[in-house]
Amino acid sequence: MAIQKERRATPRKPASTKSDKPRIAQRPAEQPSPEDVRRRIEMTAYYKAKERGFAPGYELEDWLAAEREVKQRLQA
């Protein structure tokens, strides 16, 4: 007859070291990436141009107004 060993009530947790966990660079949730900010500016400028019927010659004004608008929204 085999002798049974006592079993622990709770299982042991494996020892973890810092090198076991991958390092992930995280941004704060409220701060979008530079690519996301540019995409928002592009979309805002597009809709500004669409509102005036895509008349040529106002591209820079649309872009600058979109930049101001997006930056104000992000700061709020």
N, C-alpha and C. Protein backbone atom coordinates (compact mmCIF):
# COMPACT_ATOMS: atom_id res chain seq x y z
N MET A 1 0.84 -1.17 0.00
CA MET A 1 0.00 0.00 0.00
C MET A 1 0.89 1.24 0.00
N ALA A 2 0.57 2.19 -0.89
CA ALA A 2 1.37 3.41 -1.01
C ALA A 2 0.95 4.41 0.06
N ILE A 3 1.92 5.16 0.51
CA ILE A 3 1.65 6.18 1.51
C ILE A 3 1.30 7.48 0.77
N GLN A 4 0.17 8.07 1.18
CA GLN A 4 -0.25 9.32 0.55
C GLN A 4 0.38 10.50 1.29
N LYS A 5 0.85 11.46 0.53
CA LYS A 5 1.42 12.67 1.12
C LYS A 5 0.30 13.66 1.39
N GLU A 6 0.51 14.49 2.39
CA GLU A 6 -0.48 15.52 2.69
C GLU A 6 -0.53 16.54 1.56
N ARG A 7 -1.72 16.96 1.25
CA ARG A 7 -1.89 17.97 0.21
C ARG A 7 -2.18 19.31 0.87
N ARG A 8 -1.64 20.36 0.26
CA ARG A 8 -1.89 21.71 0.78
C ARG A 8 -3.32 22.12 0.46
N ALA A 9 -3.90 22.92 1.32
CA ALA A 9 -5.26 23.38 1.11
C ALA A 9 -5.34 24.34 -0.09
N THR A 10 -4.34 25.18 -0.24
CA THR A 10 -4.30 26.10 -1.38
C THR A 10 -3.06 25.81 -2.21
N PRO A 11 -3.18 25.88 -3.51
CA PRO A 11 -2.01 25.61 -4.34
C PRO A 11 -0.98 26.73 -4.22
N ARG A 12 0.26 26.39 -4.42
CA ARG A 12 1.34 27.38 -4.37
C ARG A 12 1.33 28.22 -5.62
N LYS A 13 1.67 29.48 -5.46
CA LYS A 13 1.80 30.37 -6.60
C LYS A 13 3.23 30.29 -7.09
N PRO A 14 3.41 30.25 -8.40
CA PRO A 14 4.78 30.20 -8.90
C PRO A 14 5.50 31.51 -8.60
N ALA A 15 6.76 31.39 -8.28
CA ALA A 15 7.55 32.59 -8.00
C ALA A 15 7.74 33.34 -9.31
N SER A 16 7.46 34.62 -9.30
CA SER A 16 7.63 35.41 -10.51
C SER A 16 8.76 36.40 -10.31
N THR A 17 9.43 36.67 -11.38
CA THR A 17 10.49 37.67 -11.35
C THR A 17 10.10 38.78 -12.32
N LYS A 18 10.75 39.89 -12.20
CA LYS A 18 10.44 41.02 -13.07
C LYS A 18 10.70 40.69 -14.54
N SER A 19 11.66 39.83 -14.81
CA SER A 19 11.98 39.51 -16.19
C SER A 19 10.91 38.62 -16.83
N ASP A 20 10.04 38.00 -16.02
CA ASP A 20 8.97 37.17 -16.56
C ASP A 20 7.90 37.99 -17.27
N LYS A 21 7.71 39.21 -16.81
CA LYS A 21 6.64 40.03 -17.35
C LYS A 21 7.17 40.89 -18.49
N PRO A 22 6.42 40.94 -19.61
CA PRO A 22 6.89 41.79 -20.71
C PRO A 22 6.74 43.26 -20.35
N ARG A 23 7.67 44.05 -20.83
CA ARG A 23 7.61 45.48 -20.59
C ARG A 23 6.78 46.12 -21.69
N ILE A 24 5.77 46.86 -21.30
CA ILE A 24 4.88 47.51 -22.25
C ILE A 24 4.84 48.99 -21.93
N ALA A 25 5.19 49.79 -22.90
CA ALA A 25 5.11 51.24 -22.71
C ALA A 25 3.65 51.64 -22.86
N GLN A 26 3.11 52.28 -21.85
CA GLN A 26 1.72 52.66 -21.88
C GLN A 26 1.59 54.18 -21.83
N ARG A 27 0.66 54.68 -22.59
CA ARG A 27 0.33 56.09 -22.56
C ARG A 27 -0.85 56.29 -21.62
N PRO A 28 -0.95 57.43 -21.03
CA PRO A 28 -2.16 57.71 -20.25
C PRO A 28 -3.38 57.61 -21.15
N ALA A 29 -4.47 57.16 -20.62
CA ALA A 29 -5.67 56.91 -21.41
C ALA A 29 -6.19 58.18 -22.08
N GLU A 30 -6.04 59.32 -21.45
CA GLU A 30 -6.60 60.54 -22.00
C GLU A 30 -5.72 61.20 -23.05
N GLN A 31 -4.49 60.74 -23.24
CA GLN A 31 -3.58 61.36 -24.20
C GLN A 31 -3.49 60.50 -25.46
N PRO A 32 -4.05 60.98 -26.59
CA PRO A 32 -3.98 60.20 -27.83
C PRO A 32 -2.58 60.27 -28.43
N SER A 33 -2.27 59.33 -29.28
CA SER A 33 -0.97 59.30 -29.94
C SER A 33 -0.89 60.43 -30.97
N PRO A 34 0.32 60.81 -31.36
CA PRO A 34 0.46 61.86 -32.39
C PRO A 34 -0.25 61.50 -33.70
N GLU A 35 -0.25 60.21 -34.06
CA GLU A 35 -0.93 59.77 -35.27
C GLU A 35 -2.44 59.98 -35.15
N ASP A 36 -2.97 59.72 -33.96
CA ASP A 36 -4.40 59.89 -33.73
C ASP A 36 -4.77 61.38 -33.79
N VAL A 37 -3.92 62.23 -33.24
CA VAL A 37 -4.18 63.67 -33.28
C VAL A 37 -4.20 64.14 -34.73
N ARG A 38 -3.23 63.69 -35.53
CA ARG A 38 -3.17 64.09 -36.94
C ARG A 38 -4.41 63.61 -37.69
N ARG A 39 -4.85 62.39 -37.40
CA ARG A 39 -6.04 61.85 -38.05
C ARG A 39 -7.28 62.69 -37.70
N ARG A 40 -7.37 63.10 -36.45
CA ARG A 40 -8.50 63.94 -36.03
C ARG A 40 -8.47 65.29 -36.74
N ILE A 41 -7.27 65.86 -36.88
CA ILE A 41 -7.14 67.14 -37.57
C ILE A 41 -7.54 66.98 -39.04
N GLU A 42 -7.08 65.89 -39.67
CA GLU A 42 -7.42 65.65 -41.07
C GLU A 42 -8.93 65.55 -41.27
N MET A 43 -9.59 64.81 -40.39
CA MET A 43 -11.03 64.63 -40.52
C MET A 43 -11.77 65.95 -40.29
N THR A 44 -11.33 66.70 -39.31
CA THR A 44 -11.97 67.99 -39.02
C THR A 44 -11.79 68.94 -40.20
N ALA A 45 -10.59 68.99 -40.77
CA ALA A 45 -10.33 69.86 -41.92
C ALA A 45 -11.17 69.41 -43.12
N TYR A 46 -11.32 68.11 -43.29
CA TYR A 46 -12.14 67.59 -44.39
C TYR A 46 -13.58 68.08 -44.26
N TYR A 47 -14.13 67.96 -43.06
CA TYR A 47 -15.53 68.38 -42.87
C TYR A 47 -15.70 69.88 -43.01
N LYS A 48 -14.68 70.64 -42.64
CA LYS A 48 -14.74 72.10 -42.86
C LYS A 48 -14.76 72.40 -44.36
N ALA A 49 -13.94 71.71 -45.14
CA ALA A 49 -13.92 71.90 -46.59
C ALA A 49 -15.24 71.45 -47.21
N LYS A 50 -15.79 70.38 -46.71
CA LYS A 50 -17.06 69.87 -47.23
C LYS A 50 -18.19 70.87 -47.00
N GLU A 51 -18.17 71.54 -45.83
CA GLU A 51 -19.21 72.52 -45.52
C GLU A 51 -19.24 73.67 -46.52
N ARG A 52 -18.09 74.04 -47.07
CA ARG A 52 -18.06 75.14 -48.02
C ARG A 52 -17.99 74.66 -49.46
N GLY A 53 -18.29 73.37 -49.69
CA GLY A 53 -18.38 72.84 -51.05
C GLY A 53 -17.05 72.54 -51.70
N PHE A 54 -16.00 72.33 -50.93
CA PHE A 54 -14.66 72.01 -51.43
C PHE A 54 -14.12 73.06 -52.39
N ALA A 55 -14.47 74.30 -52.15
CA ALA A 55 -13.94 75.39 -52.98
C ALA A 55 -12.43 75.46 -52.78
N PRO A 56 -11.66 75.53 -53.87
CA PRO A 56 -10.19 75.55 -53.74
C PRO A 56 -9.68 76.87 -53.15
N GLY A 57 -8.49 76.79 -52.55
CA GLY A 57 -7.83 77.99 -52.05
C GLY A 57 -7.95 78.19 -50.54
N TYR A 58 -8.68 77.34 -49.86
CA TYR A 58 -8.88 77.51 -48.42
C TYR A 58 -8.31 76.34 -47.61
N GLU A 59 -7.45 75.55 -48.21
CA GLU A 59 -6.94 74.36 -47.56
C GLU A 59 -6.16 74.68 -46.28
N LEU A 60 -5.29 75.68 -46.35
CA LEU A 60 -4.48 76.05 -45.19
C LEU A 60 -5.35 76.57 -44.06
N GLU A 61 -6.32 77.42 -44.41
CA GLU A 61 -7.22 77.95 -43.38
C GLU A 61 -8.01 76.83 -42.70
N ASP A 62 -8.47 75.87 -43.51
CA ASP A 62 -9.21 74.72 -42.95
C ASP A 62 -8.32 73.93 -42.00
N TRP A 63 -7.07 73.69 -42.41
CA TRP A 63 -6.16 72.89 -41.59
C TRP A 63 -5.85 73.60 -40.27
N LEU A 64 -5.55 74.90 -40.34
CA LEU A 64 -5.21 75.63 -39.12
C LEU A 64 -6.41 75.73 -38.17
N ALA A 65 -7.59 75.94 -38.72
CA ALA A 65 -8.79 75.98 -37.88
C ALA A 65 -9.04 74.61 -37.26
N ALA A 66 -8.82 73.55 -38.02
CA ALA A 66 -9.00 72.20 -37.50
C ALA A 66 -8.00 71.90 -36.39
N GLU A 67 -6.76 72.34 -36.55
CA GLU A 67 -5.75 72.15 -35.50
C GLU A 67 -6.18 72.83 -34.19
N ARG A 68 -6.62 74.07 -34.31
CA ARG A 68 -7.08 74.79 -33.11
C ARG A 68 -8.25 74.07 -32.44
N GLU A 69 -9.20 73.65 -33.25
CA GLU A 69 -10.39 72.98 -32.72
C GLU A 69 -10.04 71.67 -32.02
N VAL A 70 -9.21 70.87 -32.65
CA VAL A 70 -8.84 69.57 -32.06
C VAL A 70 -8.04 69.76 -30.78
N LYS A 71 -7.10 70.68 -30.79
CA LYS A 71 -6.29 70.93 -29.58
C LYS A 71 -7.14 71.46 -28.44
N GLN A 72 -8.12 72.30 -28.75
CA GLN A 72 -9.03 72.78 -27.70
C GLN A 72 -9.84 71.63 -27.11
N ARG A 73 -10.32 70.73 -27.99
CA ARG A 73 -11.10 69.57 -27.49
C ARG A 73 -10.24 68.66 -26.62
N LEU A 74 -8.98 68.49 -26.98
CA LEU A 74 -8.10 67.60 -26.21
C LEU A 74 -7.73 68.20 -24.86
N GLN A 75 -7.65 69.52 -24.78
CA GLN A 75 -7.31 70.17 -23.53
C GLN A 75 -8.49 70.20 -22.57
N ALA A 76 -9.69 70.15 -23.10
CA ALA A 76 -10.89 70.22 -22.25
C ALA A 76 -11.13 68.94 -21.47
